[in-house]
């Protein structure tokens, strides 16, 4: 078993350090994408909940569509 030269040790250290930083960066991107997707799902659920409330109040499909941005097909599926 030979000893490694200081330059080889430094290069190995830098390569490992770079790999760890790359992994940390990838995890942060994945976390941010997860947050964005979660917020999107939350907004969609909120809009559908509001639309259901409007349906129960007897508001017509066209008005609900205009106010929520949901398609008339989506609103009709909520009605059933």
PDB file of N, CA and C in Angstrom:
ATOM      1  N   UNK A   1       0.851  -1.173   0.000  1.00  0.00           N
ATOM      2  CA  UNK A   1       0.000   0.000   0.000  1.00  0.00           C
ATOM      3  C   UNK A   1       0.891   1.228   0.000  1.00  0.00           C
ATOM      4  N   UNK A   2       0.827   2.016  -1.061  1.00  0.00           N
ATOM      5  CA  UNK A   2       1.668   3.195  -1.172  1.00  0.00           C
ATOM      6  C   UNK A   2       0.992   4.428  -0.617  1.00  0.00           C
ATOM      7  N   UNK A   3       1.767   5.427  -0.413  1.00  0.00           N
ATOM      8  CA  UNK A   3       1.196   6.681   0.064  1.00  0.00           C
ATOM      9  C   UNK A   3       0.837   7.528  -1.137  1.00  0.00           C
ATOM     10  N   UNK A   4      -0.174   8.308  -0.963  1.00  0.00           N
ATOM     11  CA  UNK A   4      -0.617   9.182  -2.051  1.00  0.00           C
ATOM     12  C   UNK A   4       0.145  10.486  -1.963  1.00  0.00           C
ATOM     13  N   UNK A   5       0.383  11.036  -3.108  1.00  0.00           N
ATOM     14  CA  UNK A   5       1.048  12.334  -3.163  1.00  0.00           C
ATOM     15  C   UNK A   5       0.070  13.422  -2.746  1.00  0.00           C
ATOM     16  N   UNK A   6       0.562  14.508  -2.173  1.00  0.00           N
ATOM     17  CA  UNK A   6      -0.322  15.600  -1.746  1.00  0.00           C
ATOM     18  C   UNK A   6      -1.222  16.102  -2.879  1.00  0.00           C
ATOM     19  N   UNK A   7      -0.704  16.173  -4.081  1.00  0.00           N
ATOM     20  CA  UNK A   7      -1.517  16.645  -5.218  1.00  0.00           C
ATOM     21  C   UNK A   7      -2.680  15.692  -5.486  1.00  0.00           C
ATOM     22  N   UNK A   8      -2.414  14.373  -5.431  1.00  0.00           N
ATOM     23  CA  UNK A   8      -3.478  13.388  -5.645  1.00  0.00           C
ATOM     24  C   UNK A   8      -4.546  13.500  -4.567  1.00  0.00           C
ATOM     25  N   UNK A   9      -4.125  13.712  -3.336  1.00  0.00           N
ATOM     26  CA  UNK A   9      -5.065  13.856  -2.228  1.00  0.00           C
ATOM     27  C   UNK A   9      -5.921  15.103  -2.438  1.00  0.00           C
ATOM     28  N   UNK A  10      -5.294  16.183  -2.830  1.00  0.00           N
ATOM     29  CA  UNK A  10      -6.010  17.436  -3.070  1.00  0.00           C
ATOM     30  C   UNK A  10      -7.017  17.272  -4.206  1.00  0.00           C
ATOM     31  N   UNK A  11      -6.617  16.626  -5.283  1.00  0.00           N
ATOM     32  CA  UNK A  11      -7.522  16.407  -6.420  1.00  0.00           C
ATOM     33  C   UNK A  11      -8.697  15.521  -6.008  1.00  0.00           C
ATOM     34  N   UNK A  12      -8.427  14.478  -5.230  1.00  0.00           N
ATOM     35  CA  UNK A  12      -9.501  13.604  -4.761  1.00  0.00           C
ATOM     36  C   UNK A  12     -10.453  14.376  -3.851  1.00  0.00           C
ATOM     37  N   UNK A  13      -9.893  15.195  -2.971  1.00  0.00           N
ATOM     38  CA  UNK A  13     -10.708  16.016  -2.068  1.00  0.00           C
ATOM     39  C   UNK A  13     -11.589  16.972  -2.866  1.00  0.00           C
ATOM     40  N   UNK A  14     -11.011  17.655  -3.827  1.00  0.00           N
ATOM     41  CA  UNK A  14     -11.772  18.618  -4.638  1.00  0.00           C
ATOM     42  C   UNK A  14     -12.858  17.925  -5.450  1.00  0.00           C
ATOM     43  N   UNK A  15     -12.574  16.744  -5.973  1.00  0.00           N
ATOM     44  CA  UNK A  15     -13.571  16.000  -6.745  1.00  0.00           C
ATOM     45  C   UNK A  15     -14.735  15.599  -5.835  1.00  0.00           C
ATOM     46  N   UNK A  16     -14.425  15.138  -4.632  1.00  0.00           N
ATOM     47  CA  UNK A  16     -15.473  14.750  -3.686  1.00  0.00           C
ATOM     48  C   UNK A  16     -16.281  15.964  -3.254  1.00  0.00           C
ATOM     49  N   UNK A  17     -15.595  17.061  -2.995  1.00  0.00           N
ATOM     50  CA  UNK A  17     -16.263  18.306  -2.585  1.00  0.00           C
ATOM     51  C   UNK A  17     -17.224  18.772  -3.683  1.00  0.00           C
ATOM     52  N   UNK A  18     -16.764  18.729  -4.935  1.00  0.00           N
ATOM     53  CA  UNK A  18     -17.613  19.136  -6.056  1.00  0.00           C
ATOM     54  C   UNK A  18     -18.827  18.215  -6.164  1.00  0.00           C
ATOM     55  N   UNK A  19     -18.627  16.903  -6.002  1.00  0.00           N
ATOM     56  CA  UNK A  19     -19.741  15.953  -6.078  1.00  0.00           C
ATOM     57  C   UNK A  19     -20.768  16.242  -4.984  1.00  0.00           C
ATOM     58  N   UNK A  20     -20.308  16.551  -3.783  1.00  0.00           N
ATOM     59  CA  UNK A  20     -21.225  16.859  -2.687  1.00  0.00           C
ATOM     60  C   UNK A  20     -21.992  18.151  -2.948  1.00  0.00           C
ATOM     61  N   UNK A  21     -21.317  19.156  -3.481  1.00  0.00           N
ATOM     62  CA  UNK A  21     -21.986  20.421  -3.806  1.00  0.00           C
ATOM     63  C   UNK A  21     -23.009  20.225  -4.921  1.00  0.00           C
ATOM     64  N   UNK A  22     -22.666  19.411  -5.912  1.00  0.00           N
ATOM     65  CA  UNK A  22     -23.604  19.116  -7.004  1.00  0.00           C
ATOM     66  C   UNK A  22     -24.842  18.400  -6.468  1.00  0.00           C
ATOM     67  N   UNK A  23     -24.620  17.435  -5.553  1.00  0.00           N
ATOM     68  CA  UNK A  23     -25.734  16.702  -4.967  1.00  0.00           C
ATOM     69  C   UNK A  23     -26.618  17.636  -4.137  1.00  0.00           C
ATOM     70  N   UNK A  24     -25.992  18.512  -3.369  1.00  0.00           N
ATOM     71  CA  UNK A  24     -26.740  19.475  -2.559  1.00  0.00           C
ATOM     72  C   UNK A  24     -27.583  20.382  -3.451  1.00  0.00           C
ATOM     73  N   UNK A  25     -26.998  20.827  -4.550  1.00  0.00           N
ATOM     74  CA  UNK A  25     -27.709  21.684  -5.495  1.00  0.00           C
ATOM     75  C   UNK A  25     -28.891  20.949  -6.123  1.00  0.00           C
ATOM     76  N   UNK A  26     -28.694  19.689  -6.496  1.00  0.00           N
ATOM     77  CA  UNK A  26     -29.769  18.899  -7.100  1.00  0.00           C
ATOM     78  C   UNK A  26     -30.906  18.693  -6.098  1.00  0.00           C
ATOM     79  N   UNK A  27     -30.561  18.432  -4.843  1.00  0.00           N
ATOM     80  CA  UNK A  27     -31.592  18.255  -3.814  1.00  0.00           C
ATOM     81  C   UNK A  27     -32.371  19.548  -3.589  1.00  0.00           C
ATOM     82  N   UNK A  28     -31.696  20.676  -3.616  1.00  0.00           N
ATOM     83  CA  UNK A  28     -32.360  21.965  -3.427  1.00  0.00           C
ATOM     84  C   UNK A  28     -33.324  22.239  -4.587  1.00  0.00           C
ATOM     85  N   UNK A  29     -32.895  21.934  -5.819  1.00  0.00           N
ATOM     86  CA  UNK A  29     -33.778  22.098  -6.984  1.00  0.00           C
ATOM     87  C   UNK A  29     -35.006  21.217  -6.849  1.00  0.00           C
ATOM     88  N   UNK A  30     -34.802  19.962  -6.437  1.00  0.00           N
ATOM     89  CA  UNK A  30     -35.923  19.039  -6.276  1.00  0.00           C
ATOM     90  C   UNK A  30     -36.872  19.535  -5.189  1.00  0.00           C
ATOM     91  N   UNK A  31     -36.316  20.057  -4.113  1.00  0.00           N
ATOM     92  CA  UNK A  31     -37.145  20.596  -3.036  1.00  0.00           C
ATOM     93  C   UNK A  31     -37.979  21.771  -3.534  1.00  0.00           C
ATOM     94  N   UNK A  32     -37.360  22.672  -4.277  1.00  0.00           N
ATOM     95  CA  UNK A  32     -38.078  23.830  -4.813  1.00  0.00           C
ATOM     96  C   UNK A  32     -39.176  23.413  -5.785  1.00  0.00           C
ATOM     97  N   UNK A  33     -38.875  22.434  -6.634  1.00  0.00           N
ATOM     98  CA  UNK A  33     -39.895  21.941  -7.571  1.00  0.00           C
ATOM     99  C   UNK A  33     -41.045  21.300  -6.814  1.00  0.00           C
ATOM    100  N   UNK A  34     -40.730  20.578  -5.737  1.00  0.00           N
ATOM    101  CA  UNK A  34     -41.770  19.969  -4.916  1.00  0.00           C
ATOM    102  C   UNK A  34     -42.663  21.008  -4.272  1.00  0.00           C
ATOM    103  N   UNK A  35     -42.057  22.088  -3.799  1.00  0.00           N
ATOM    104  CA  UNK A  35     -42.840  23.166  -3.192  1.00  0.00           C
ATOM    105  C   UNK A  35     -43.765  23.809  -4.229  1.00  0.00           C
ATOM    106  N   UNK A  36     -43.228  24.069  -5.388  1.00  0.00           N
ATOM    107  CA  UNK A  36     -44.031  24.686  -6.457  1.00  0.00           C
ATOM    108  C   UNK A  36     -45.194  23.775  -6.833  1.00  0.00           C
ATOM    109  N   UNK A  37     -44.918  22.484  -6.980  1.00  0.00           N
ATOM    110  CA  UNK A  37     -45.982  21.531  -7.345  1.00  0.00           C
ATOM    111  C   UNK A  37     -47.028  21.451  -6.237  1.00  0.00           C
ATOM    112  N   UNK A  38     -46.575  21.452  -4.985  1.00  0.00           N
ATOM    113  CA  UNK A  38     -47.500  21.410  -3.857  1.00  0.00           C
ATOM    114  C   UNK A  38     -48.390  22.638  -3.798  1.00  0.00           C
ATOM    115  N   UNK A  39     -47.789  23.799  -4.053  1.00  0.00           N
ATOM    116  CA  UNK A  39     -48.580  25.032  -4.068  1.00  0.00           C
ATOM    117  C   UNK A  39     -49.604  24.999  -5.195  1.00  0.00           C
ATOM    118  N   UNK A  40     -49.202  24.492  -6.335  1.00  0.00           N
ATOM    119  CA  UNK A  40     -50.110  24.398  -7.481  1.00  0.00           C
ATOM    120  C   UNK A  40     -51.295  23.494  -7.146  1.00  0.00           C
ATOM    121  N   UNK A  41     -51.025  22.358  -6.524  1.00  0.00           N
ATOM    122  CA  UNK A  41     -52.096  21.437  -6.140  1.00  0.00           C
ATOM    123  C   UNK A  41     -53.013  22.097  -5.122  1.00  0.00           C
ATOM    124  N   UNK A  42     -52.423  22.823  -4.174  1.00  0.00           N
ATOM    125  CA  UNK A  42     -53.221  23.511  -3.161  1.00  0.00           C
ATOM    126  C   UNK A  42     -54.132  24.558  -3.759  1.00  0.00           C
ATOM    127  N   UNK A  43     -53.626  25.315  -4.713  1.00  0.00           N
ATOM    128  CA  UNK A  43     -54.433  26.342  -5.374  1.00  0.00           C
ATOM    129  C   UNK A  43     -55.568  25.689  -6.146  1.00  0.00           C
ATOM    130  N   UNK A  44     -55.277  24.605  -6.864  1.00  0.00           N
ATOM    131  CA  UNK A  44     -56.319  23.912  -7.628  1.00  0.00           C
ATOM    132  C   UNK A  44     -57.423  23.395  -6.707  1.00  0.00           C
ATOM    133  N   UNK A  45     -57.038  22.825  -5.563  1.00  0.00           N
ATOM    134  CA  UNK A  45     -58.036  22.318  -4.614  1.00  0.00           C
ATOM    135  C   UNK A  45     -58.871  23.465  -4.052  1.00  0.00           C
ATOM    136  N   UNK A  46     -58.231  24.580  -3.763  1.00  0.00           N
ATOM    137  CA  UNK A  46     -58.950  25.744  -3.234  1.00  0.00           C
ATOM    138  C   UNK A  46     -59.963  26.264  -4.246  1.00  0.00           C
ATOM    139  N   UNK A  47     -59.543  26.362  -5.505  1.00  0.00           N
ATOM    140  CA  UNK A  47     -60.448  26.840  -6.549  1.00  0.00           C
ATOM    141  C   UNK A  47     -61.645  25.894  -6.692  1.00  0.00           C
ATOM    142  N   UNK A  48     -61.387  24.596  -6.638  1.00  0.00           N
ATOM    143  CA  UNK A  48     -62.490  23.636  -6.754  1.00  0.00           C
ATOM    144  C   UNK A  48     -63.421  23.726  -5.546  1.00  0.00           C
ATOM    145  N   UNK A  49     -62.864  23.957  -4.365  1.00  0.00           N
ATOM    146  CA  UNK A  49     -63.692  24.119  -3.164  1.00  0.00           C
ATOM    147  C   UNK A  49     -64.575  25.359  -3.292  1.00  0.00           C
ATOM    148  N   UNK A  50     -63.999  26.429  -3.795  1.00  0.00           N
ATOM    149  CA  UNK A  50     -64.774  27.659  -4.005  1.00  0.00           C
ATOM    150  C   UNK A  50     -65.870  27.407  -5.042  1.00  0.00           C
ATOM    151  N   UNK A  51     -65.518  26.717  -6.122  1.00  0.00           N
ATOM    152  CA  UNK A  51     -66.510  26.413  -7.158  1.00  0.00           C
ATOM    153  C   UNK A  51     -67.649  25.562  -6.590  1.00  0.00           C
ATOM    154  N   UNK A  52     -67.319  24.601  -5.733  1.00  0.00           N
ATOM    155  CA  UNK A  52     -68.366  23.786  -5.113  1.00  0.00           C
ATOM    156  C   UNK A  52     -69.296  24.651  -4.264  1.00  0.00           C
ATOM    157  N   UNK A  53     -68.722  25.582  -3.542  1.00  0.00           N
ATOM    158  CA  UNK A  53     -69.548  26.497  -2.756  1.00  0.00           C
ATOM    159  C   UNK A  53     -70.463  27.320  -3.641  1.00  0.00           C
ATOM    160  N   UNK A  54     -69.949  27.753  -4.774  1.00  0.00           N
ATOM    161  CA  UNK A  54     -70.757  28.530  -5.708  1.00  0.00           C
ATOM    162  C   UNK A  54     -71.876  27.673  -6.301  1.00  0.00           C
ATOM    163  N   UNK A  55     -71.554  26.405  -6.579  1.00  0.00           N
ATOM    164  CA  UNK A  55     -72.569  25.478  -7.091  1.00  0.00           C
ATOM    165  C   UNK A  55     -73.688  25.337  -6.071  1.00  0.00           C
ATOM    166  N   UNK A  56     -73.318  25.149  -4.808  1.00  0.00           N
ATOM    167  CA  UNK A  56     -74.320  24.996  -3.751  1.00  0.00           C
ATOM    168  C   UNK A  56     -75.152  26.267  -3.547  1.00  0.00           C
ATOM    169  N   UNK A  57     -74.599  27.411  -3.912  1.00  0.00           N
ATOM    170  CA  UNK A  57     -75.348  28.680  -3.814  1.00  0.00           C
ATOM    171  C   UNK A  57     -76.230  28.898  -5.037  1.00  0.00           C
ATOM    172  N   UNK A  58     -76.143  27.995  -6.027  1.00  0.00           N
ATOM    173  CA  UNK A  58     -77.004  28.089  -7.201  1.00  0.00           C
ATOM    174  C   UNK A  58     -76.463  28.984  -8.303  1.00  0.00           C
ATOM    175  N   UNK A  59     -75.178  29.302  -8.255  1.00  0.00           N
ATOM    176  CA  UNK A  59     -74.599  30.159  -9.299  1.00  0.00           C
ATOM    177  C   UNK A  59     -74.423  29.335 -10.569  1.00  0.00           C
ATOM    178  N   UNK A  60     -74.712  29.947 -11.698  1.00  0.00           N
ATOM    179  CA  UNK A  60     -74.671  29.223 -12.971  1.00  0.00           C
ATOM    180  C   UNK A  60     -73.235  28.883 -13.383  1.00  0.00           C
ATOM    181  N   UNK A  61     -73.127  27.868 -14.207  1.00  0.00           N
ATOM    182  CA  UNK A  61     -71.840  27.327 -14.645  1.00  0.00           C
ATOM    183  C   UNK A  61     -70.982  28.375 -15.334  1.00  0.00           C
ATOM    184  N   UNK A  62     -71.571  29.175 -16.199  1.00  0.00           N
ATOM    185  CA  UNK A  62     -70.804  30.179 -16.938  1.00  0.00           C
ATOM    186  C   UNK A  62     -70.167  31.190 -15.993  1.00  0.00           C
ATOM    187  N   UNK A  63     -70.907  31.649 -15.000  1.00  0.00           N
ATOM    188  CA  UNK A  63     -70.369  32.615 -14.037  1.00  0.00           C
ATOM    189  C   UNK A  63     -69.250  31.983 -13.214  1.00  0.00           C
ATOM    190  N   UNK A  64     -69.465  30.752 -12.776  1.00  0.00           N
ATOM    191  CA  UNK A  64     -68.425  30.054 -12.007  1.00  0.00           C
ATOM    192  C   UNK A  64     -67.165  29.918 -12.844  1.00  0.00           C
ATOM    193  N   UNK A  65     -67.333  29.584 -14.095  1.00  0.00           N
ATOM    194  CA  UNK A  65     -66.198  29.443 -15.008  1.00  0.00           C
ATOM    195  C   UNK A  65     -65.440  30.753 -15.149  1.00  0.00           C
ATOM    196  N   UNK A  66     -66.173  31.842 -15.325  1.00  0.00           N
ATOM    197  CA  UNK A  66     -65.548  33.162 -15.467  1.00  0.00           C
ATOM    198  C   UNK A  66     -64.769  33.553 -14.217  1.00  0.00           C
ATOM    199  N   UNK A  67     -65.335  33.257 -13.040  1.00  0.00           N
ATOM    200  CA  UNK A  67     -64.721  33.679 -11.783  1.00  0.00           C
ATOM    201  C   UNK A  67     -63.587  32.780 -11.309  1.00  0.00           C
ATOM    202  N   UNK A  68     -63.629  31.494 -11.661  1.00  0.00           N
ATOM    203  CA  UNK A  68     -62.620  30.560 -11.163  1.00  0.00           C
ATOM    204  C   UNK A  68     -61.571  30.173 -12.206  1.00  0.00           C
ATOM    205  N   UNK A  69     -61.927  30.342 -13.484  1.00  0.00           N
ATOM    206  CA  UNK A  69     -61.015  29.905 -14.536  1.00  0.00           C
ATOM    207  C   UNK A  69     -61.158  28.424 -14.866  1.00  0.00           C
ATOM    208  N   UNK A  70     -62.078  27.742 -14.184  1.00  0.00           N
ATOM    209  CA  UNK A  70     -62.328  26.339 -14.498  1.00  0.00           C
ATOM    210  C   UNK A  70     -63.151  26.245 -15.783  1.00  0.00           C
ATOM    211  N   UNK A  71     -62.949  25.165 -16.504  1.00  0.00           N
ATOM    212  CA  UNK A  71     -63.759  24.957 -17.711  1.00  0.00           C
ATOM    213  C   UNK A  71     -65.160  24.538 -17.298  1.00  0.00           C
ATOM    214  N   UNK A  72     -66.091  24.692 -18.215  1.00  0.00           N
ATOM    215  CA  UNK A  72     -67.472  24.283 -17.936  1.00  0.00           C
ATOM    216  C   UNK A  72     -67.537  22.777 -17.703  1.00  0.00           C
ATOM    217  N   UNK A  73     -66.684  22.016 -18.377  1.00  0.00           N
ATOM    218  CA  UNK A  73     -66.641  20.568 -18.178  1.00  0.00           C
ATOM    219  C   UNK A  73     -66.184  20.243 -16.756  1.00  0.00           C
ATOM    220  N   UNK A  74     -65.170  20.953 -16.259  1.00  0.00           N
ATOM    221  CA  UNK A  74     -64.693  20.717 -14.897  1.00  0.00           C
ATOM    222  C   UNK A  74     -65.789  21.042 -13.871  1.00  0.00           C
ATOM    223  N   UNK A  75     -66.507  22.109 -14.125  1.00  0.00           N
ATOM    224  CA  UNK A  75     -67.583  22.509 -13.207  1.00  0.00           C
ATOM    225  C   UNK A  75     -68.702  21.475 -13.248  1.00  0.00           C
ATOM    226  N   UNK A  76     -69.052  21.026 -14.432  1.00  0.00           N
ATOM    227  CA  UNK A  76     -70.102  19.998 -14.535  1.00  0.00           C
ATOM    228  C   UNK A  76     -69.696  18.712 -13.835  1.00  0.00           C
ATOM    229  N   UNK A  77     -68.411  18.366 -13.879  1.00  0.00           N
ATOM    230  CA  UNK A  77     -67.987  17.153 -13.168  1.00  0.00           C
ATOM    231  C   UNK A  77     -68.042  17.365 -11.658  1.00  0.00           C
ATOM    232  N   UNK A  78     -67.859  18.600 -11.193  1.00  0.00           N
ATOM    233  CA  UNK A  78     -68.008  18.896  -9.766  1.00  0.00           C
ATOM    234  C   UNK A  78     -69.457  18.806  -9.337  1.00  0.00           C
ATOM    235  N   UNK A  79     -70.355  19.117 -10.248  1.00  0.00           N
ATOM    236  CA  UNK A  79     -71.786  19.064  -9.938  1.00  0.00           C
ATOM    237  C   UNK A  79     -72.251  17.637  -9.651  1.00  0.00           C
ATOM    238  N   UNK A  80     -71.545  16.647 -10.184  1.00  0.00           N
ATOM    239  CA  UNK A  80     -71.971  15.243 -10.067  1.00  0.00           C
ATOM    240  C   UNK A  80     -71.156  14.512  -9.052  1.00  0.00           C
TER     241      UNK A  80
END
